[in-house]
Amino acid sequence: MTDAMTIDPDYLTRQLQALLAIASPTGFTDEAVRHTAQELARLGLEVKLTRRGAIRALRRGKARRPARGIVSHLDTLGAQVKALKENGRLELVPIGHWSARFAEGARVSILSAKGTYRGTILPLKASGHTFNDEVDSQPTGWRHVELRVDALSRDHNDLTQLGIDVGDIVAVDPQPEFLENGFIVSRHLDDKAGVAIMLAALEAMQRQNIETPVDTYWLFTIGEEVGVGASAALTPEIASLVAIDNGTTAPGQNSREFGVTLAMADQTGPFDYHLSKKLHQLCLAHGVPVQKDVFRYYRSDAASAVEAGHDVRTALITFGVDASHGYERIHLHALMSNARLCVLYSASNVEIGRDANELSDLEGFTHQEVPDAAPEQVLPADLSTEN
């Protein structure tokens, strides 16, 4: 059944478009949560929300344990007002870790108590007619940009009268483009594309009545960009957690904008040996293009879950993103591949039965056998030591 399973690309694309249209920088995620929870309920899942809005949606399987979790995050990068400046502009600090180099020129919305104002993030020296070469030679960093408000804001007092205040959230326009050749260019594809992948996988499973051997929890977090992620979304039944996030297609990396990029490690260390191996074998067995990568400066929902004390096996599957945390680019092929892997994993047999219990004895515990010695290598004639 799973080999004949189909993912609907139009549904996936529509969900991604809808998510990108909803501003959701960390700390301002309620509307993205509402949209996603309503869609999960429409698909027929049991939907629960934590106090702050992380989503835990349950799709029942034949057994309760050992349950599986699949997770992505709804929050995105953004900024906050740090200070009202005497020149009528706003000093900013970033929400999440991203370079001010990518903020320069961004169109934004300032979400104030009196309403939403539009504006542009600019370098302090923005006019070549005034500053000549200093426009190019000035430093880069959040202390070297400011937000120009598209309202009468000549000074600090004008900003106060507008109702703009320190701490106001600044949402950055995604500016999405969906090209006919399958490429998608936008800000905030991390991780709204991951959310769309999960919804598309669920839509396919519901439409095709795909059964799973155990319960699967579909989790959507709201604080991954600031490091808290899946720290409070799991249940004791969940024994394994697969995170979906962006893979970095850049020099020195093995990620691609096509197929699944399976992360073997990030800055927090290796992912679970057995779960990562299972995901790789599922790709090979079912013709899902896959490559492996290791990320040096990267963490995901999986790390926050383990750091919060959850004893779960973790893995990370990714869709290759060019210019991550900037003006990002992905390809629909990778999104479809990851969605297919989500279904294949959810429908696959449980191989480590003892994971149903949080504690048990040695019986049934896994093996990591050292491979047999590699076969003897036949050297080329010019490297042979024989006369």
Protein backbone atom coordinates (compact mmCIF):
# COMPACT_ATOMS: atom_id res chain seq x y z
CA MET A 1 0.00 0.00 0.00
CA THR A 2 2.74 2.45 0.93
CA ASP A 3 4.59 1.97 -2.38
CA ALA A 4 1.44 3.10 -4.21
CA MET A 5 0.91 5.97 -1.79
CA THR A 6 0.63 9.40 -3.38
CA ILE A 7 1.31 12.84 -1.94
CA ASP A 8 -0.83 15.66 -3.32
CA PRO A 9 1.56 18.43 -4.47
CA ASP A 10 -1.25 20.94 -4.88
CA TYR A 11 -2.41 20.43 -1.30
CA LEU A 12 1.16 20.74 -0.01
CA THR A 13 1.71 23.96 -1.98
CA ARG A 14 -1.59 25.49 -0.85
CA GLN A 15 -0.77 24.79 2.78
CA LEU A 16 2.68 26.32 2.45
CA GLN A 17 1.22 29.42 0.78
CA ALA A 18 -1.37 29.77 3.55
CA LEU A 19 1.23 29.37 6.30
CA LEU A 20 3.59 31.91 4.74
CA ALA A 21 0.73 34.42 4.67
CA ILE A 22 0.42 34.22 8.48
CA ALA A 23 3.01 36.19 10.46
CA SER A 24 4.43 33.97 13.21
CA PRO A 25 7.76 35.16 14.62
CA THR A 26 8.53 33.47 17.93
CA GLY A 27 6.27 35.01 20.56
CA PHE A 28 3.50 35.81 18.04
CA THR A 29 2.35 32.39 16.85
CA ASP A 30 -1.31 32.18 17.89
CA GLU A 31 -2.81 32.60 14.42
CA ALA A 32 -0.47 30.06 12.84
CA VAL A 33 -1.43 27.67 15.63
CA ARG A 34 -5.13 28.26 14.96
CA HIS A 35 -4.76 27.66 11.23
CA THR A 36 -2.78 24.45 11.73
CA ALA A 37 -4.97 23.07 14.52
CA GLN A 38 -8.12 23.66 12.48
CA GLU A 39 -6.62 21.88 9.48
CA LEU A 40 -5.54 18.93 11.64
CA ALA A 41 -9.06 18.68 13.06
CA ARG A 42 -10.52 18.83 9.55
CA LEU A 43 -8.26 15.91 8.62
CA GLY A 44 -9.77 13.95 11.51
CA LEU A 45 -7.01 13.96 14.13
CA GLU A 46 -7.44 14.39 17.88
CA VAL A 47 -5.95 17.84 18.53
CA LYS A 48 -4.70 19.16 21.86
CA LEU A 49 -2.85 22.39 22.62
CA THR A 50 -0.44 23.19 25.44
CA ARG A 51 -1.00 26.36 27.45
CA ARG A 52 1.18 28.45 25.14
CA GLY A 53 0.00 26.80 21.95
CA ALA A 54 2.24 23.92 20.95
CA ILE A 55 0.08 21.38 19.09
CA ARG A 56 -0.13 17.68 19.84
CA ALA A 57 -2.27 15.89 17.24
CA LEU A 58 -2.87 12.16 17.61
CA ARG A 59 -3.50 9.70 14.80
CA ARG A 60 -4.48 6.36 16.28
CA GLY A 61 -2.65 3.15 15.38
CA LYS A 62 -3.16 -0.50 16.26
CA ALA A 63 -1.27 -0.11 19.54
CA ARG A 64 -0.68 2.76 21.95
CA ARG A 65 3.02 2.08 22.58
CA PRO A 66 5.75 2.57 21.57
CA ALA A 67 4.25 5.68 19.98
CA ARG A 68 6.05 7.72 17.35
CA GLY A 69 6.37 11.47 17.13
CA ILE A 70 6.95 13.68 14.11
CA VAL A 71 7.67 17.35 14.77
CA SER A 72 8.18 20.67 13.00
CA HIS A 73 7.90 24.25 14.22
CA LEU A 74 5.48 27.06 13.45
CA ASP A 75 7.59 29.96 14.69
CA THR A 76 9.89 31.92 12.43
CA LEU A 77 12.61 34.51 12.68
CA GLY A 78 11.71 38.14 13.27
CA ALA A 79 12.71 41.12 15.40
CA GLN A 80 11.66 43.23 18.37
CA VAL A 81 11.84 46.94 19.04
CA LYS A 82 14.83 47.59 21.32
CA ALA A 83 14.54 51.38 21.52
CA LEU A 84 12.70 54.38 20.07
CA LYS A 85 15.38 56.58 18.52
CA GLU A 86 15.51 60.37 18.56
CA ASN A 87 15.55 60.41 14.74
CA GLY A 88 12.09 58.80 14.69
CA ARG A 89 13.35 55.34 13.76
CA LEU A 90 13.54 52.09 15.71
CA GLU A 91 16.47 50.13 17.03
CA LEU A 92 15.96 46.38 16.71
CA VAL A 93 17.14 43.11 18.20
CA PRO A 94 16.64 39.84 16.33
CA ILE A 95 14.20 37.09 17.27
CA GLY A 96 16.18 33.94 16.63
CA HIS A 97 19.65 33.81 15.18
CA TRP A 98 19.92 35.52 11.80
CA SER A 99 22.20 38.04 10.21
CA ALA A 100 21.33 41.72 9.93
CA ARG A 101 22.82 41.45 6.44
CA PHE A 102 19.61 39.65 5.41
CA ALA A 103 17.46 42.15 7.29
CA GLU A 104 18.68 45.12 5.28
CA GLY A 105 15.97 46.11 2.82
CA ALA A 106 13.30 43.87 4.33
CA ARG A 107 9.73 45.12 4.39
CA VAL A 108 8.12 44.52 7.76
CA SER A 109 5.07 45.01 9.95
CA ILE A 110 5.38 46.56 13.42
CA LEU A 111 2.74 44.95 15.62
CA SER A 112 1.96 47.72 18.11
CA ALA A 113 -0.78 48.09 20.73
CA LYS A 114 -2.50 50.71 18.55
CA GLY A 115 -2.32 48.75 15.32
CA THR A 116 0.02 47.50 12.62
CA TYR A 117 2.47 49.86 10.97
CA ARG A 118 4.53 49.13 7.90
CA GLY A 119 8.21 49.87 7.55
CA THR A 120 11.62 48.98 6.13
CA ILE A 121 14.80 47.83 7.83
CA LEU A 122 17.68 49.95 6.54
CA PRO A 123 21.39 50.33 7.24
CA LEU A 124 22.24 53.46 9.22
CA LYS A 125 23.84 54.89 6.11
CA ALA A 126 21.30 54.06 3.42
CA SER A 127 21.76 56.77 0.79
CA GLY A 128 24.65 56.61 -1.65
CA HIS A 129 23.90 60.21 -2.65
CA THR A 130 24.74 61.25 0.92
CA PHE A 131 27.34 58.77 2.13
CA ASN A 132 28.99 57.73 -1.14
CA ASP A 133 31.28 54.70 -0.60
CA GLU A 134 30.46 54.55 3.12
CA VAL A 135 27.25 52.77 2.12
CA ASP A 136 29.37 49.76 1.17
CA SER A 137 32.11 50.08 3.79
CA GLN A 138 29.92 50.49 6.89
CA PRO A 139 29.82 47.56 9.36
CA THR A 140 27.16 44.84 9.28
CA GLY A 141 25.21 43.96 12.41
CA TRP A 142 22.00 44.63 14.29
CA ARG A 143 23.51 47.77 15.87
CA HIS A 144 24.07 49.10 12.36
CA VAL A 145 20.48 48.90 11.09
CA GLU A 146 17.29 50.72 12.00
CA LEU A 147 13.62 50.46 11.13
CA ARG A 148 12.08 53.32 9.16
CA VAL A 149 8.36 53.54 9.99
CA ASP A 150 5.96 54.42 7.17
CA ALA A 151 4.12 56.99 9.27
CA LEU A 152 4.83 60.49 10.58
CA SER A 153 7.71 59.63 12.88
CA ARG A 154 10.12 62.55 13.02
CA ASP A 155 11.32 61.92 16.55
CA HIS A 156 10.86 59.89 19.74
CA ASN A 157 7.65 61.75 20.62
CA ASP A 158 6.02 60.96 17.26
CA LEU A 159 6.78 57.27 17.76
CA THR A 160 5.19 57.42 21.20
CA GLN A 161 2.10 59.07 19.78
CA LEU A 162 1.82 56.27 17.22
CA GLY A 163 1.66 53.78 20.09
CA ILE A 164 4.92 52.05 19.17
CA ASP A 165 6.80 50.81 22.21
CA VAL A 166 9.86 48.88 23.27
CA GLY A 167 9.27 45.14 22.90
CA ASP A 168 6.83 45.38 19.98
CA ILE A 169 7.12 42.42 17.63
CA VAL A 170 8.38 43.06 14.10
CA ALA A 171 7.23 40.53 11.48
CA VAL A 172 9.33 40.28 8.31
CA ASP A 173 7.50 39.88 4.99
CA PRO A 174 8.18 36.46 3.45
CA GLN A 175 7.90 37.68 -0.18
CA PRO A 176 7.22 34.18 -1.55
CA GLU A 177 7.57 33.10 -5.17
CA PHE A 178 6.34 29.70 -6.37
CA LEU A 179 7.96 29.00 -9.73
CA GLU A 180 6.60 26.62 -12.34
CA ASN A 181 9.87 24.65 -12.34
CA GLY A 182 9.26 23.62 -8.74
CA PHE A 183 11.57 26.07 -7.00
CA ILE A 184 10.11 28.05 -4.11
CA VAL A 185 11.83 31.22 -2.92
CA SER A 186 10.78 32.94 0.29
CA ARG A 187 11.76 33.90 3.79
CA HIS A 188 10.50 31.64 6.60
CA LEU A 189 10.58 28.38 4.63
CA ASP A 190 12.30 27.28 7.84
CA ASP A 191 10.12 25.72 9.05
CA LYS A 192 6.77 26.45 7.42
CA ALA A 193 7.79 24.06 4.67
CA GLY A 194 8.24 21.41 7.38
CA VAL A 195 4.71 22.07 8.63
CA ALA A 196 3.36 21.79 5.09
CA ILE A 197 5.24 18.48 4.66
CA MET A 198 3.56 17.05 7.75
CA LEU A 199 0.09 18.21 6.71
CA ALA A 200 0.59 16.76 3.22
CA ALA A 201 1.70 13.42 4.70
CA LEU A 202 -1.36 13.34 6.95
CA GLU A 203 -3.69 14.27 4.10
CA ALA A 204 -2.30 11.36 2.07
CA MET A 205 -2.67 8.93 4.96
CA GLN A 206 -6.24 9.97 5.67
CA ARG A 207 -7.26 9.97 2.02
CA GLN A 208 -5.78 6.51 1.41
CA ASN A 209 -6.75 5.00 4.78
CA ILE A 210 -3.19 4.02 5.62
CA GLU A 211 -2.99 2.07 8.87
CA THR A 212 -0.10 2.34 11.30
CA PRO A 213 1.11 -0.26 13.80
CA VAL A 214 1.26 2.27 16.65
CA ASP A 215 -0.07 5.71 17.51
CA THR A 216 1.66 8.63 15.86
CA TYR A 217 1.79 12.08 17.42
CA TRP A 218 2.11 14.99 15.01
CA LEU A 219 3.71 17.82 16.95
CA PHE A 220 4.00 21.51 16.05
CA THR A 221 6.11 23.68 18.32
CA ILE A 222 6.23 27.46 18.76
CA GLY A 223 9.68 28.29 20.13
CA GLU A 224 12.25 26.36 18.12
CA GLU A 225 14.00 29.46 16.77
CA VAL A 226 14.89 30.51 20.32
CA GLY A 227 15.92 27.03 21.43
CA VAL A 228 12.96 25.67 23.42
CA GLY A 229 11.18 23.81 20.61
CA ALA A 230 9.81 20.40 21.61
CA SER A 231 10.76 20.73 25.28
CA ALA A 232 7.11 20.57 26.41
CA ALA A 233 5.16 18.87 23.63
CA LEU A 234 5.90 15.17 24.11
CA THR A 235 3.98 12.49 26.01
CA PRO A 236 5.47 9.48 27.88
CA GLU A 237 4.12 7.17 25.16
CA ILE A 238 6.43 8.66 22.51
CA ALA A 239 9.56 6.53 22.16
CA SER A 240 10.99 8.01 18.95
CA LEU A 241 10.91 11.51 17.54
CA VAL A 242 11.60 12.51 13.94
CA ALA A 243 12.15 16.23 13.43
CA ILE A 244 11.59 17.89 10.07
CA ASP A 245 13.57 21.04 9.35
CA ASN A 246 15.84 22.66 6.81
CA GLY A 247 19.07 21.18 5.51
CA THR A 248 21.77 23.65 4.56
CA THR A 249 22.84 23.47 0.93
CA ALA A 250 26.12 25.34 1.05
CA PRO A 251 29.82 24.74 0.32
CA GLY A 252 31.13 21.97 2.55
CA GLN A 253 27.68 20.42 3.06
CA ASN A 254 26.13 17.35 1.45
CA SER A 255 22.52 18.60 1.59
CA ARG A 256 20.60 19.02 -1.65
CA GLU A 257 17.45 20.78 -2.73
CA PHE A 258 16.13 17.45 -4.01
CA GLY A 259 15.18 14.28 -2.15
CA VAL A 260 15.59 13.76 1.59
CA THR A 261 18.69 14.94 3.39
CA LEU A 262 19.12 12.75 6.47
CA ALA A 263 21.10 14.52 9.19
CA MET A 264 23.45 12.18 11.02
CA ALA A 265 24.54 14.76 13.60
CA ASP A 266 24.24 18.42 14.53
CA GLN A 267 26.02 20.60 17.07
CA THR A 268 24.44 18.60 19.91
CA GLY A 269 25.96 15.32 18.69
CA PRO A 270 24.91 12.22 16.72
CA PHE A 271 21.27 11.34 16.21
CA ASP A 272 19.98 7.92 17.25
CA TYR A 273 21.84 5.19 15.39
CA HIS A 274 18.90 2.82 14.99
CA LEU A 275 16.25 5.38 14.05
CA SER A 276 18.50 7.12 11.52
CA LYS A 277 19.43 3.74 10.00
CA LYS A 278 15.74 2.80 9.72
CA LEU A 279 14.88 6.04 7.92
CA HIS A 280 17.76 5.58 5.50
CA GLN A 281 16.75 2.00 4.75
CA LEU A 282 13.13 3.06 4.15
CA CYS A 283 14.33 5.57 1.56
CA LEU A 284 16.47 2.98 -0.21
CA ALA A 285 13.76 0.32 -0.14
CA HIS A 286 11.06 2.60 -1.55
CA GLY A 287 13.02 4.65 -4.08
CA VAL A 288 13.06 7.93 -2.13
CA PRO A 289 16.22 9.87 -3.10
CA VAL A 290 18.34 10.38 0.01
CA GLN A 291 21.71 11.75 1.05
CA LYS A 292 23.33 12.18 4.46
CA ASP A 293 24.83 15.28 6.04
CA VAL A 294 26.34 16.57 9.29
CA PHE A 295 25.58 20.10 10.54
CA ARG A 296 28.06 22.03 12.67
CA TYR A 297 26.05 25.13 13.56
CA TYR A 298 22.56 23.74 13.84
CA ARG A 299 20.02 22.38 16.31
CA SER A 300 16.36 21.39 15.95
CA ASP A 301 13.28 20.37 17.94
CA ALA A 302 14.99 17.03 18.56
CA ALA A 303 17.73 18.64 20.65
CA SER A 304 15.29 20.60 22.82
CA ALA A 305 13.28 17.44 23.53
CA VAL A 306 16.33 15.51 24.74
CA GLU A 307 17.69 18.46 26.72
CA ALA A 308 14.32 18.77 28.46
CA GLY A 309 14.76 15.23 29.77
CA HIS A 310 12.69 13.18 27.33
CA ASP A 311 14.26 9.73 26.85
CA VAL A 312 13.42 9.36 23.17
CA ARG A 313 15.27 8.23 20.11
CA THR A 314 15.72 11.20 17.78
CA ALA A 315 16.38 11.70 14.09
CA LEU A 316 16.31 14.66 11.73
CA ILE A 317 15.10 14.62 8.13
CA THR A 318 15.48 17.78 6.10
CA PHE A 319 14.64 19.52 2.88
CA GLY A 320 17.65 21.26 1.35
CA VAL A 321 17.53 25.05 1.76
CA ASP A 322 19.85 27.46 0.00
CA ALA A 323 20.67 30.62 2.02
CA SER A 324 19.08 29.31 5.23
CA HIS A 325 17.85 32.02 7.61
CA GLY A 326 18.10 34.46 4.74
CA TYR A 327 16.07 34.73 1.54
CA GLU A 328 15.68 30.99 1.23
CA ARG A 329 15.15 28.64 -1.72
CA ILE A 330 13.83 25.07 -1.76
CA HIS A 331 12.38 22.71 -4.35
CA LEU A 332 9.04 20.94 -4.29
CA HIS A 333 10.82 17.65 -4.99
CA ALA A 334 12.41 17.69 -1.53
CA LEU A 335 9.11 18.52 0.15
CA MET A 336 7.34 15.65 -1.61
CA SER A 337 10.20 13.27 -0.76
CA ASN A 338 10.09 14.16 2.93
CA ALA A 339 6.30 13.83 3.03
CA ARG A 340 6.55 10.38 1.49
CA LEU A 341 9.16 9.34 4.04
CA CYS A 342 6.87 10.51 6.86
CA VAL A 343 4.16 8.15 5.62
CA LEU A 344 6.57 5.27 5.07
CA TYR A 345 7.96 5.67 8.57
CA SER A 346 4.53 5.96 10.20
CA ALA A 347 3.33 2.79 8.45
CA SER A 348 6.51 0.76 9.05
CA ASN A 349 6.74 -2.07 11.55
CA VAL A 350 8.04 -1.53 15.06
CA GLU A 351 11.46 -3.13 15.32
CA ILE A 352 12.43 -2.31 18.93
CA GLY A 353 9.51 -3.61 20.96
CA ARG A 354 11.09 -2.90 24.35
CA ASP A 355 10.81 0.85 23.57
CA ALA A 356 7.19 0.54 24.67
CA ASN A 357 8.50 0.71 28.24
CA GLU A 358 10.49 3.62 29.62
CA LEU A 359 12.53 1.17 31.72
CA SER A 360 13.09 -2.57 31.24
CA ASP A 361 15.80 -5.21 31.56
CA LEU A 362 18.43 -6.23 29.03
CA GLU A 363 16.13 -8.58 27.14
CA GLY A 364 15.37 -7.19 23.71
CA PHE A 365 17.96 -4.42 23.99
CA THR A 366 19.51 -3.35 20.71
CA HIS A 367 22.86 -4.35 19.21
CA GLN A 368 25.43 -2.17 17.48
CA GLU A 369 27.69 -4.88 16.16
CA VAL A 370 31.11 -3.95 14.88
CA PRO A 371 31.10 -4.72 11.13
CA ASP A 372 33.23 -7.53 9.80
CA ALA A 373 36.66 -6.65 8.47
CA ALA A 374 36.55 -5.00 5.09
CA PRO A 375 37.44 -7.25 2.15
CA GLU A 376 41.09 -7.27 1.15
CA GLN A 377 41.80 -4.47 -1.28
CA VAL A 378 43.54 -5.29 -4.54
CA LEU A 379 46.03 -2.55 -5.24
CA PRO A 380 46.71 -1.26 -8.76
CA ALA A 381 49.83 -2.69 -10.35
CA ASP A 382 51.82 0.54 -9.95
CA LEU A 383 51.18 0.50 -6.17
CA SER A 384 51.87 -3.19 -5.63
CA THR A 385 54.85 -4.14 -3.40
CA GLU A 386 55.46 -7.36 -5.37
CA ASN A 387 58.30 -7.38 -7.86
